[in-house]
């Protein structure tokens, strides 16, 4: 078991992440991850930077596929298409279509919706 100093240090790190989210965005635990609220349309490059700034990352294509396949109720109000972090080349990346369930490739300069992911708070405390 971790000592009290280590636990307090982790809690301070988490507080720092929360403070960086100003203006506060909503994070919701779905499955093993916390998902941000919809952050709007942006190209893949902007999306990657935005998620990093918020202390998260773009989800992988497998995480988006799992969300669609196994958490339908939680994502029924999602927009049409979301970028993933999974690249195919320096110009193409994968996106998830929440209307059809399809994963497909598109040019990173195209705007799609984004949601960032991060480890759930309980997982942060255990690391």
C-alpha atoms as a PDB file:
ATOM      1  CA  UNK A   1       0.000   0.000   0.000  1.00  0.00           C
ATOM      2  CA  UNK A   2       1.218   3.475  -0.804  1.00  0.00           C
ATOM      3  CA  UNK A   3       2.193   5.767   1.999  1.00  0.00           C
ATOM      4  CA  UNK A   4       0.255   8.878   2.832  1.00  0.00           C
ATOM      5  CA  UNK A   5       2.753  11.239   1.138  1.00  0.00           C
ATOM      6  CA  UNK A   6       2.390   9.436  -2.212  1.00  0.00           C
ATOM      7  CA  UNK A   7      -1.410   9.536  -2.002  1.00  0.00           C
ATOM      8  CA  UNK A   8      -1.393  13.260  -1.168  1.00  0.00           C
ATOM      9  CA  UNK A   9       0.987  13.924  -4.068  1.00  0.00           C
ATOM     10  CA  UNK A  10      -1.388  12.115  -6.493  1.00  0.00           C
ATOM     11  CA  UNK A  11      -4.341  14.121  -5.173  1.00  0.00           C
ATOM     12  CA  UNK A  12      -2.436  17.375  -5.782  1.00  0.00           C
ATOM     13  CA  UNK A  13      -1.664  16.254  -9.351  1.00  0.00           C
ATOM     14  CA  UNK A  14      -5.349  15.544  -9.944  1.00  0.00           C
ATOM     15  CA  UNK A  15      -6.316  18.946  -8.509  1.00  0.00           C
ATOM     16  CA  UNK A  16      -3.837  20.517 -10.949  1.00  0.00           C
ATOM     17  CA  UNK A  17      -5.478  18.729 -13.880  1.00  0.00           C
ATOM     18  CA  UNK A  18      -8.903  19.905 -12.781  1.00  0.00           C
ATOM     19  CA  UNK A  19      -7.685  23.518 -12.485  1.00  0.00           C
ATOM     20  CA  UNK A  20      -6.294  23.337 -16.035  1.00  0.00           C
ATOM     21  CA  UNK A  21      -9.809  22.583 -17.321  1.00  0.00           C
ATOM     22  CA  UNK A  22     -10.899  26.242 -17.018  1.00  0.00           C
ATOM     23  CA  UNK A  23     -13.423  26.969 -18.217  1.00  0.00           C
ATOM     24  CA  UNK A  24     -14.486  23.710 -16.669  1.00  0.00           C
ATOM     25  CA  UNK A  25     -15.527  21.057 -19.105  1.00  0.00           C
ATOM     26  CA  UNK A  26     -17.609  18.093 -18.134  1.00  0.00           C
ATOM     27  CA  UNK A  27     -15.945  14.656 -17.982  1.00  0.00           C
ATOM     28  CA  UNK A  28     -18.085  11.509 -17.795  1.00  0.00           C
ATOM     29  CA  UNK A  29     -16.842   8.040 -16.885  1.00  0.00           C
ATOM     30  CA  UNK A  30     -17.851   5.536 -19.555  1.00  0.00           C
ATOM     31  CA  UNK A  31     -16.219   2.145 -19.375  1.00  0.00           C
ATOM     32  CA  UNK A  32     -12.652   2.466 -18.096  1.00  0.00           C
ATOM     33  CA  UNK A  33     -12.128   6.053 -19.280  1.00  0.00           C
ATOM     34  CA  UNK A  34     -13.402   9.538 -18.640  1.00  0.00           C
ATOM     35  CA  UNK A  35     -14.786  11.186 -21.798  1.00  0.00           C
ATOM     36  CA  UNK A  36     -15.013  14.924 -22.245  1.00  0.00           C
ATOM     37  CA  UNK A  37     -18.137  16.627 -23.383  1.00  0.00           C
ATOM     38  CA  UNK A  38     -18.379  17.334 -27.103  1.00  0.00           C
ATOM     39  CA  UNK A  39     -15.782  19.991 -27.907  1.00  0.00           C
ATOM     40  CA  UNK A  40     -17.060  20.859 -31.362  1.00  0.00           C
ATOM     41  CA  UNK A  41     -15.652  20.607 -34.856  1.00  0.00           C
ATOM     42  CA  UNK A  42     -11.946  20.850 -35.587  1.00  0.00           C
ATOM     43  CA  UNK A  43      -9.346  19.255 -37.768  1.00  0.00           C
ATOM     44  CA  UNK A  44      -7.238  16.363 -36.459  1.00  0.00           C
ATOM     45  CA  UNK A  45      -4.239  18.574 -35.660  1.00  0.00           C
ATOM     46  CA  UNK A  46      -6.319  21.076 -33.667  1.00  0.00           C
ATOM     47  CA  UNK A  47      -8.077  18.189 -31.897  1.00  0.00           C
ATOM     48  CA  UNK A  48      -4.802  16.606 -30.806  1.00  0.00           C
ATOM     49  CA  UNK A  49      -3.571  19.922 -29.364  1.00  0.00           C
ATOM     50  CA  UNK A  50      -6.887  20.667 -27.642  1.00  0.00           C
ATOM     51  CA  UNK A  51      -6.998  17.295 -25.873  1.00  0.00           C
ATOM     52  CA  UNK A  52      -3.406  17.629 -24.710  1.00  0.00           C
ATOM     53  CA  UNK A  53      -4.144  21.115 -23.362  1.00  0.00           C
ATOM     54  CA  UNK A  54      -7.045  19.681 -21.359  1.00  0.00           C
ATOM     55  CA  UNK A  55      -4.901  16.932 -19.843  1.00  0.00           C
ATOM     56  CA  UNK A  56      -6.311  14.193 -22.054  1.00  0.00           C
ATOM     57  CA  UNK A  57      -5.852  12.747 -25.520  1.00  0.00           C
ATOM     58  CA  UNK A  58      -7.884  11.776 -28.539  1.00  0.00           C
ATOM     59  CA  UNK A  59      -9.336   8.282 -28.145  1.00  0.00           C
ATOM     60  CA  UNK A  60      -7.931   5.474 -30.266  1.00  0.00           C
ATOM     61  CA  UNK A  61     -10.088   4.018 -33.017  1.00  0.00           C
ATOM     62  CA  UNK A  62     -10.534   0.872 -30.880  1.00  0.00           C
ATOM     63  CA  UNK A  63     -11.755   2.961 -27.920  1.00  0.00           C
ATOM     64  CA  UNK A  64     -14.289   4.709 -30.161  1.00  0.00           C
ATOM     65  CA  UNK A  65     -15.399   1.380 -31.622  1.00  0.00           C
ATOM     66  CA  UNK A  66     -15.796  -0.078 -28.113  1.00  0.00           C
ATOM     67  CA  UNK A  67     -17.807   2.966 -27.077  1.00  0.00           C
ATOM     68  CA  UNK A  68     -20.151   2.534 -30.047  1.00  0.00           C
ATOM     69  CA  UNK A  69     -20.447  -1.259 -29.686  1.00  0.00           C
ATOM     70  CA  UNK A  70     -20.728  -1.577 -25.902  1.00  0.00           C
ATOM     71  CA  UNK A  71     -21.986   1.723 -24.484  1.00  0.00           C
ATOM     72  CA  UNK A  72     -24.786   2.720 -26.837  1.00  0.00           C
ATOM     73  CA  UNK A  73     -26.984   4.280 -24.160  1.00  0.00           C
ATOM     74  CA  UNK A  74     -24.197   6.566 -22.961  1.00  0.00           C
ATOM     75  CA  UNK A  75     -23.391   7.805 -26.471  1.00  0.00           C
ATOM     76  CA  UNK A  76     -26.861   8.029 -28.030  1.00  0.00           C
ATOM     77  CA  UNK A  77     -26.643  11.845 -28.113  1.00  0.00           C
ATOM     78  CA  UNK A  78     -23.211  11.977 -29.735  1.00  0.00           C
ATOM     79  CA  UNK A  79     -22.713  13.933 -32.933  1.00  0.00           C
ATOM     80  CA  UNK A  80     -22.208  12.131 -36.228  1.00  0.00           C
ATOM     81  CA  UNK A  81     -18.413  11.622 -36.613  1.00  0.00           C
ATOM     82  CA  UNK A  82     -15.493  11.818 -34.156  1.00  0.00           C
ATOM     83  CA  UNK A  83     -11.753  11.840 -34.753  1.00  0.00           C
ATOM     84  CA  UNK A  84      -9.564   9.132 -33.276  1.00  0.00           C
ATOM     85  CA  UNK A  85      -5.864   9.405 -32.500  1.00  0.00           C
ATOM     86  CA  UNK A  86      -5.125   6.421 -34.742  1.00  0.00           C
ATOM     87  CA  UNK A  87      -3.216   7.494 -37.828  1.00  0.00           C
ATOM     88  CA  UNK A  88      -2.983   5.694 -41.152  1.00  0.00           C
ATOM     89  CA  UNK A  89      -0.368   8.014 -42.638  1.00  0.00           C
ATOM     90  CA  UNK A  90       0.913  11.541 -42.174  1.00  0.00           C
ATOM     91  CA  UNK A  91      -2.225  12.853 -43.937  1.00  0.00           C
ATOM     92  CA  UNK A  92      -4.964  10.366 -42.916  1.00  0.00           C
ATOM     93  CA  UNK A  93      -6.470   9.262 -39.584  1.00  0.00           C
ATOM     94  CA  UNK A  94      -9.431   7.127 -38.532  1.00  0.00           C
ATOM     95  CA  UNK A  95     -12.809   8.480 -37.423  1.00  0.00           C
ATOM     96  CA  UNK A  96     -15.897   6.793 -35.959  1.00  0.00           C
ATOM     97  CA  UNK A  97     -19.325   7.399 -37.476  1.00  0.00           C
ATOM     98  CA  UNK A  98     -21.889   7.150 -34.661  1.00  0.00           C
ATOM     99  CA  UNK A  99     -24.843   7.053 -37.065  1.00  0.00           C
ATOM    100  CA  UNK A 100     -23.690   3.970 -38.990  1.00  0.00           C
ATOM    101  CA  UNK A 101     -21.094   2.439 -36.642  1.00  0.00           C
ATOM    102  CA  UNK A 102     -18.502   2.512 -39.425  1.00  0.00           C
ATOM    103  CA  UNK A 103     -14.842   3.345 -38.914  1.00  0.00           C
ATOM    104  CA  UNK A 104     -13.223   5.068 -41.848  1.00  0.00           C
ATOM    105  CA  UNK A 105     -10.184   7.097 -42.890  1.00  0.00           C
ATOM    106  CA  UNK A 106     -10.179  10.721 -43.845  1.00  0.00           C
ATOM    107  CA  UNK A 107      -7.783  13.589 -44.445  1.00  0.00           C
ATOM    108  CA  UNK A 108      -6.601  15.107 -41.156  1.00  0.00           C
ATOM    109  CA  UNK A 109      -7.413  18.596 -42.451  1.00  0.00           C
ATOM    110  CA  UNK A 110     -11.132  17.778 -42.464  1.00  0.00           C
ATOM    111  CA  UNK A 111     -13.183  18.920 -39.485  1.00  0.00           C
ATOM    112  CA  UNK A 112     -14.917  16.314 -37.364  1.00  0.00           C
ATOM    113  CA  UNK A 113     -16.215  16.456 -33.806  1.00  0.00           C
ATOM    114  CA  UNK A 114     -13.954  15.613 -30.917  1.00  0.00           C
ATOM    115  CA  UNK A 115     -14.192  14.199 -27.442  1.00  0.00           C
ATOM    116  CA  UNK A 116     -11.066  13.756 -25.386  1.00  0.00           C
ATOM    117  CA  UNK A 117     -10.369  10.861 -23.037  1.00  0.00           C
ATOM    118  CA  UNK A 118      -8.285  10.469 -19.910  1.00  0.00           C
ATOM    119  CA  UNK A 119      -7.755   7.832 -17.258  1.00  0.00           C
ATOM    120  CA  UNK A 120     -10.541   7.663 -14.691  1.00  0.00           C
ATOM    121  CA  UNK A 121      -9.746   9.362 -11.365  1.00  0.00           C
ATOM    122  CA  UNK A 122      -9.763   6.031  -9.471  1.00  0.00           C
ATOM    123  CA  UNK A 123      -7.116   4.695 -11.896  1.00  0.00           C
ATOM    124  CA  UNK A 124      -4.968   7.811 -11.357  1.00  0.00           C
ATOM    125  CA  UNK A 125      -4.969   7.179  -7.597  1.00  0.00           C
ATOM    126  CA  UNK A 126      -3.853   3.592  -8.069  1.00  0.00           C
ATOM    127  CA  UNK A 127      -0.821   4.517 -10.224  1.00  0.00           C
END
